[in-house]
N, C-alpha and C. Protein backbone atom coordinates (compact mmCIF):
# COMPACT_ATOMS: atom_id res chain seq x y z
N MET A 1 9.64 44.18 -51.28
CA MET A 1 8.70 44.62 -50.25
C MET A 1 9.38 44.84 -48.85
N GLN A 2 8.94 46.29 -48.31
CA GLN A 2 9.61 46.62 -46.92
C GLN A 2 9.24 45.35 -45.55
N SER A 3 10.01 45.24 -44.90
CA SER A 3 9.49 44.46 -43.74
C SER A 3 8.76 45.23 -42.68
N PRO A 4 7.67 44.96 -41.86
CA PRO A 4 6.98 45.77 -41.12
C PRO A 4 7.72 46.50 -39.98
N ARG A 5 7.41 47.45 -39.49
CA ARG A 5 8.38 48.31 -38.64
C ARG A 5 7.89 47.54 -37.33
N PRO A 6 8.82 47.04 -36.30
CA PRO A 6 8.35 46.71 -34.78
C PRO A 6 7.63 47.41 -34.24
N SER A 7 6.46 46.98 -33.41
CA SER A 7 5.75 47.97 -32.81
C SER A 7 6.61 48.54 -31.31
N ARG A 8 7.74 47.95 -31.21
CA ARG A 8 8.05 48.57 -30.20
C ARG A 8 9.69 48.19 -30.22
N PRO A 9 10.63 49.59 -29.78
CA PRO A 9 12.60 49.47 -29.87
C PRO A 9 12.82 47.99 -29.32
N PRO A 10 13.70 47.90 -30.25
CA PRO A 10 14.51 46.85 -29.69
C PRO A 10 14.94 46.72 -28.47
N PRO A 11 15.48 45.69 -27.57
CA PRO A 11 15.87 45.82 -26.17
C PRO A 11 17.31 46.22 -26.49
N LEU A 12 17.88 47.62 -25.64
CA LEU A 12 19.14 48.29 -25.92
C LEU A 12 19.81 48.10 -24.50
N ASP A 13 21.20 48.58 -24.52
CA ASP A 13 21.74 48.27 -23.23
C ASP A 13 21.51 49.51 -22.77
N SER A 14 21.34 49.61 -21.24
CA SER A 14 20.76 50.94 -20.50
C SER A 14 21.84 51.96 -20.81
N ALA A 15 22.89 51.57 -20.62
CA ALA A 15 24.04 52.76 -21.09
C ALA A 15 24.00 53.69 -22.32
N LEU A 16 23.64 53.00 -23.34
CA LEU A 16 23.46 53.83 -24.46
C LEU A 16 22.26 54.91 -24.10
N ALA A 17 21.48 54.44 -23.32
CA ALA A 17 20.15 55.54 -23.06
C ALA A 17 20.97 56.87 -21.96
N ALA A 18 22.07 57.09 -21.61
CA ALA A 18 22.34 57.77 -20.79
C ALA A 18 22.42 59.30 -21.57
N PRO A 19 22.27 60.55 -20.81
CA PRO A 19 21.99 61.47 -21.47
C PRO A 19 23.38 61.94 -21.95
N CYS A 20 23.46 62.73 -23.09
CA CYS A 20 24.68 63.54 -23.38
C CYS A 20 25.00 64.86 -22.62
N VAL A 21 26.21 64.77 -21.80
CA VAL A 21 26.45 65.74 -20.78
C VAL A 21 27.90 66.31 -21.33
N VAL A 22 27.55 67.54 -21.60
CA VAL A 22 28.37 68.60 -21.94
C VAL A 22 28.92 69.55 -21.15
N PRO A 23 30.21 69.64 -20.37
CA PRO A 23 30.68 70.44 -19.42
C PRO A 23 30.42 71.91 -19.81
N ASP A 24 30.13 72.53 -18.65
CA ASP A 24 29.75 74.06 -18.65
C ASP A 24 31.25 74.63 -19.16
N ALA A 25 30.90 75.94 -19.95
CA ALA A 25 32.05 76.66 -20.43
C ALA A 25 33.09 77.20 -18.93
N PRO A 26 34.48 76.83 -18.82
CA PRO A 26 35.00 78.03 -17.80
C PRO A 26 34.73 79.40 -17.86
N GLU A 27 34.81 79.91 -16.41
CA GLU A 27 34.78 81.41 -16.39
C GLU A 27 36.49 81.90 -16.56
N ALA A 28 37.03 81.24 -16.15
CA ALA A 28 38.37 81.57 -16.15
C ALA A 28 39.13 82.14 -17.51
N ALA A 29 39.48 83.35 -17.82
CA ALA A 29 40.13 83.67 -19.05
C ALA A 29 41.35 83.00 -19.30
N ASP A 30 41.58 81.82 -19.22
CA ASP A 30 43.23 81.19 -19.45
C ASP A 30 43.05 80.37 -20.28
N TYR A 31 43.97 80.28 -21.47
CA TYR A 31 43.60 79.69 -22.54
C TYR A 31 44.11 78.02 -22.30
N ASP A 32 45.16 77.79 -21.20
CA ASP A 32 45.29 76.39 -20.80
C ASP A 32 43.58 75.76 -20.29
N VAL A 33 43.16 76.81 -19.36
CA VAL A 33 42.04 75.97 -18.77
C VAL A 33 40.78 75.67 -20.14
N TRP A 34 40.68 76.63 -20.88
CA TRP A 34 39.93 76.94 -22.27
C TRP A 34 40.11 75.34 -23.06
N GLN A 35 41.70 75.35 -23.31
CA GLN A 35 42.14 74.45 -23.90
C GLN A 35 41.89 72.68 -23.75
N ASP A 36 41.98 72.90 -22.20
CA ASP A 36 41.35 71.38 -21.40
C ASP A 36 39.86 71.48 -21.55
N TRP A 37 39.14 72.33 -21.45
CA TRP A 37 37.71 72.41 -21.50
C TRP A 37 37.39 71.87 -22.82
N ILE A 38 37.87 72.42 -24.09
CA ILE A 38 37.61 71.92 -25.21
C ILE A 38 37.67 70.49 -25.72
N ALA A 39 38.80 69.73 -25.03
CA ALA A 39 39.32 68.67 -25.16
C ALA A 39 38.06 67.68 -24.58
N LYS A 40 37.79 68.19 -23.36
CA LYS A 40 36.49 67.54 -22.47
C LYS A 40 35.01 67.53 -23.34
N VAL A 41 34.63 68.59 -24.10
CA VAL A 41 33.63 68.90 -24.90
C VAL A 41 33.78 67.74 -25.89
N LEU A 42 34.89 67.89 -26.77
CA LEU A 42 34.86 66.72 -28.32
C LEU A 42 34.99 65.51 -27.52
N GLY A 43 35.36 65.30 -26.44
CA GLY A 43 35.38 63.66 -25.79
C GLY A 43 34.06 63.43 -25.66
N ALA A 44 33.21 64.43 -24.84
CA ALA A 44 31.95 64.31 -24.79
C ALA A 44 30.93 64.01 -25.86
N LEU A 45 31.26 64.83 -26.80
CA LEU A 45 30.36 64.68 -28.19
C LEU A 45 30.49 63.43 -28.91
N GLY A 46 32.16 63.04 -28.77
CA GLY A 46 32.48 61.51 -29.63
C GLY A 46 31.69 60.82 -28.91
N ASP A 47 31.75 60.71 -27.40
CA ASP A 47 31.00 59.76 -26.81
C ASP A 47 29.51 59.83 -27.35
N CYS A 48 28.62 60.53 -27.08
CA CYS A 48 27.54 60.59 -27.59
C CYS A 48 27.30 60.35 -28.89
N ALA A 49 27.89 60.64 -29.76
CA ALA A 49 28.18 60.15 -31.38
C ALA A 49 27.97 58.71 -31.51
N ALA A 50 28.99 58.07 -30.72
CA ALA A 50 28.99 56.73 -30.59
C ALA A 50 27.91 55.84 -30.27
N ARG A 51 27.18 56.54 -28.86
CA ARG A 51 26.24 55.73 -28.31
C ARG A 51 25.30 55.84 -29.43
N HIS A 52 24.89 57.17 -30.12
CA HIS A 52 23.74 57.13 -31.37
C HIS A 52 23.95 56.43 -32.02
N ARG A 53 25.09 56.07 -32.83
CA ARG A 53 25.65 55.49 -33.47
C ARG A 53 25.27 53.67 -33.36
N LYS A 54 25.48 53.35 -32.20
CA LYS A 54 25.06 52.06 -31.77
C LYS A 54 23.54 51.87 -31.67
N VAL A 55 22.92 52.62 -31.15
CA VAL A 55 21.52 52.42 -31.28
C VAL A 55 20.90 52.35 -32.58
N VAL A 56 21.44 53.24 -33.61
CA VAL A 56 20.90 53.44 -34.85
C VAL A 56 21.38 51.93 -35.53
N GLU A 57 22.56 51.47 -35.07
CA GLU A 57 22.75 49.79 -35.56
C GLU A 57 21.94 49.06 -35.21
N ALA A 58 21.51 49.16 -33.95
CA ALA A 58 20.73 48.25 -33.49
C ALA A 58 19.01 47.96 -33.85
N TRP A 59 18.76 49.20 -34.49
CA TRP A 59 17.55 49.04 -34.85
C TRP A 59 17.50 48.16 -36.15
N PRO A 60 16.26 47.10 -36.01
CA PRO A 60 16.22 46.69 -37.34
C PRO A 60 15.63 47.16 -38.65
N LYS A 61 16.60 46.72 -39.69
CA LYS A 61 16.43 47.39 -40.80
C LYS A 61 15.13 46.72 -41.52
């Protein structure tokens, strides 16, 4: 038998609700600038995925 779903979401750390911010692509046609940008994008997406995972884990099963 499944447990009933809670009517409200569980209390979460407010930092988990932060928006996922991906930096805009650079306008310079420079390899090093683009390489730095993609490293920032991957870091931002990793942070977003980690926050999402923590929210999913916090939800009662």
